[in-house]
N, C-alpha and C. Protein backbone atom coordinates (compact mmCIF):
# COMPACT_ATOMS: atom_id res chain seq x y z
N MET A 1 37.71 -7.38 -24.58
CA MET A 1 36.94 -7.54 -23.35
C MET A 1 37.93 -7.74 -22.21
N SER A 2 37.62 -7.18 -21.09
CA SER A 2 38.51 -7.31 -19.95
C SER A 2 38.53 -8.74 -19.44
N THR A 3 39.58 -9.11 -18.75
CA THR A 3 39.69 -10.44 -18.18
C THR A 3 38.55 -10.70 -17.21
N GLU A 4 38.13 -9.68 -16.47
CA GLU A 4 37.05 -9.83 -15.50
C GLU A 4 35.74 -10.22 -16.18
N ALA A 5 35.48 -9.68 -17.36
CA ALA A 5 34.23 -9.96 -18.06
C ALA A 5 34.25 -11.34 -18.73
N ARG A 6 35.42 -11.86 -19.01
CA ARG A 6 35.51 -13.18 -19.65
C ARG A 6 35.03 -14.26 -18.70
N GLY A 7 34.29 -15.21 -19.24
CA GLY A 7 33.83 -16.32 -18.44
C GLY A 7 32.56 -16.02 -17.68
N LYS A 8 32.14 -14.79 -17.67
CA LYS A 8 30.89 -14.44 -16.99
C LYS A 8 29.73 -14.68 -17.94
N THR A 9 28.60 -15.03 -17.38
CA THR A 9 27.43 -15.30 -18.21
C THR A 9 26.36 -14.24 -18.07
N HIS A 10 26.49 -13.39 -17.04
CA HIS A 10 25.47 -12.37 -16.77
C HIS A 10 26.11 -10.99 -16.62
N ILE A 11 25.32 -9.97 -16.92
CA ILE A 11 25.74 -8.59 -16.76
C ILE A 11 25.27 -8.11 -15.39
N ASP A 12 26.19 -7.58 -14.60
CA ASP A 12 25.82 -7.00 -13.31
C ASP A 12 25.36 -5.57 -13.56
N ILE A 13 24.08 -5.41 -13.77
CA ILE A 13 23.52 -4.12 -14.15
C ILE A 13 23.62 -3.08 -13.02
N TYR A 14 23.88 -3.53 -11.81
CA TYR A 14 23.99 -2.63 -10.66
C TYR A 14 25.39 -2.05 -10.49
N ASP A 15 26.35 -2.59 -11.24
CA ASP A 15 27.73 -2.10 -11.18
C ASP A 15 27.97 -1.11 -12.32
N ARG A 16 28.25 0.12 -11.97
CA ARG A 16 28.39 1.19 -12.97
C ARG A 16 29.45 0.88 -14.03
N ALA A 17 30.62 0.43 -13.60
CA ALA A 17 31.70 0.15 -14.53
C ALA A 17 31.31 -0.97 -15.49
N THR A 18 30.64 -1.99 -14.98
CA THR A 18 30.19 -3.10 -15.82
C THR A 18 29.17 -2.62 -16.84
N ARG A 19 28.23 -1.78 -16.39
CA ARG A 19 27.23 -1.22 -17.31
C ARG A 19 27.90 -0.44 -18.42
N GLU A 20 28.88 0.37 -18.06
CA GLU A 20 29.58 1.18 -19.07
C GLU A 20 30.27 0.30 -20.10
N VAL A 21 30.95 -0.74 -19.62
CA VAL A 21 31.67 -1.63 -20.53
C VAL A 21 30.71 -2.32 -21.49
N TRP A 22 29.62 -2.89 -20.95
CA TRP A 22 28.69 -3.63 -21.80
C TRP A 22 27.92 -2.70 -22.72
N ALA A 23 27.56 -1.52 -22.27
CA ALA A 23 26.87 -0.56 -23.13
C ALA A 23 27.76 -0.20 -24.32
N GLN A 24 29.02 0.05 -24.03
CA GLN A 24 29.96 0.39 -25.10
C GLN A 24 30.15 -0.80 -26.04
N ARG A 25 30.28 -1.99 -25.47
CA ARG A 25 30.48 -3.20 -26.27
C ARG A 25 29.32 -3.44 -27.22
N PHE A 26 28.09 -3.22 -26.74
CA PHE A 26 26.91 -3.41 -27.58
C PHE A 26 26.58 -2.18 -28.43
N GLY A 27 27.27 -1.08 -28.18
CA GLY A 27 27.03 0.13 -28.96
C GLY A 27 25.70 0.80 -28.64
N VAL A 28 25.31 0.73 -27.37
CA VAL A 28 24.05 1.32 -26.92
C VAL A 28 24.31 2.20 -25.71
N THR A 29 23.31 2.97 -25.33
CA THR A 29 23.42 3.77 -24.12
C THR A 29 23.21 2.86 -22.90
N GLU A 30 23.63 3.34 -21.74
CA GLU A 30 23.40 2.58 -20.51
C GLU A 30 21.90 2.42 -20.26
N ASP A 31 21.12 3.43 -20.62
CA ASP A 31 19.68 3.34 -20.45
C ASP A 31 19.10 2.22 -21.32
N ARG A 32 19.55 2.14 -22.56
CA ARG A 32 19.09 1.07 -23.47
C ARG A 32 19.51 -0.30 -22.92
N LEU A 33 20.71 -0.39 -22.38
CA LEU A 33 21.17 -1.64 -21.79
C LEU A 33 20.29 -2.03 -20.61
N ARG A 34 19.98 -1.07 -19.73
CA ARG A 34 19.10 -1.35 -18.59
C ARG A 34 17.74 -1.84 -19.06
N LYS A 35 17.19 -1.21 -20.08
CA LYS A 35 15.89 -1.63 -20.61
C LYS A 35 15.96 -3.04 -21.18
N ALA A 36 17.05 -3.36 -21.86
CA ALA A 36 17.21 -4.71 -22.40
C ALA A 36 17.25 -5.74 -21.28
N VAL A 37 17.98 -5.44 -20.22
CA VAL A 37 18.06 -6.36 -19.08
C VAL A 37 16.69 -6.51 -18.41
N THR A 38 15.96 -5.43 -18.33
CA THR A 38 14.60 -5.49 -17.77
C THR A 38 13.71 -6.40 -18.62
N MET A 39 13.86 -6.33 -19.93
CA MET A 39 13.01 -7.11 -20.83
C MET A 39 13.38 -8.59 -20.87
N VAL A 40 14.68 -8.90 -20.92
CA VAL A 40 15.09 -10.30 -21.16
C VAL A 40 15.94 -10.91 -20.06
N GLY A 41 16.28 -10.15 -19.04
CA GLY A 41 17.14 -10.67 -17.99
C GLY A 41 18.59 -10.29 -18.24
N SER A 42 19.46 -10.71 -17.35
CA SER A 42 20.85 -10.25 -17.38
C SER A 42 21.82 -11.19 -18.10
N ARG A 43 21.33 -12.32 -18.62
CA ARG A 43 22.22 -13.23 -19.35
C ARG A 43 22.75 -12.52 -20.60
N ILE A 44 24.06 -12.54 -20.77
CA ILE A 44 24.71 -11.82 -21.85
C ILE A 44 24.16 -12.24 -23.21
N THR A 45 23.99 -13.53 -23.44
CA THR A 45 23.50 -13.99 -24.74
C THR A 45 22.07 -13.52 -25.00
N SER A 46 21.25 -13.45 -23.96
CA SER A 46 19.87 -12.97 -24.12
C SER A 46 19.85 -11.49 -24.45
N VAL A 47 20.69 -10.72 -23.75
CA VAL A 47 20.77 -9.28 -24.02
C VAL A 47 21.28 -9.05 -25.43
N ALA A 48 22.30 -9.80 -25.84
CA ALA A 48 22.85 -9.67 -27.18
C ALA A 48 21.79 -9.97 -28.24
N ALA A 49 21.02 -11.03 -28.03
CA ALA A 49 19.97 -11.38 -28.99
C ALA A 49 18.92 -10.28 -29.03
N TYR A 50 18.54 -9.77 -27.89
CA TYR A 50 17.54 -8.71 -27.80
C TYR A 50 18.01 -7.46 -28.55
N LEU A 51 19.29 -7.15 -28.39
CA LEU A 51 19.86 -5.98 -29.04
C LEU A 51 20.32 -6.30 -30.47
N GLU A 52 20.16 -7.56 -30.87
CA GLU A 52 20.56 -8.05 -32.19
C GLU A 52 22.04 -7.80 -32.47
N ARG A 53 22.85 -8.12 -31.48
CA ARG A 53 24.31 -7.98 -31.61
C ARG A 53 24.95 -9.28 -31.15
N PRO A 54 26.09 -9.65 -31.72
CA PRO A 54 26.78 -10.86 -31.22
C PRO A 54 27.31 -10.65 -29.81
N ALA A 55 27.34 -11.71 -29.03
CA ALA A 55 27.77 -11.63 -27.63
C ALA A 55 29.28 -11.72 -27.47
N SER A 56 30.04 -11.96 -28.53
CA SER A 56 31.48 -12.17 -28.42
C SER A 56 32.23 -10.95 -27.97
């Protein structure tokens, strides 16, 4: 994970580079990531739980 992403608690879904990084990290498409954020909010742990993936 990049230094910029460390220590953050939320995914900035409006930032393209951030979306790409988190989509790749969770192994999903950017569209799936956007849908997850719409469903549970932008907190990384919530998105990870929704996608059933660890947040580490």
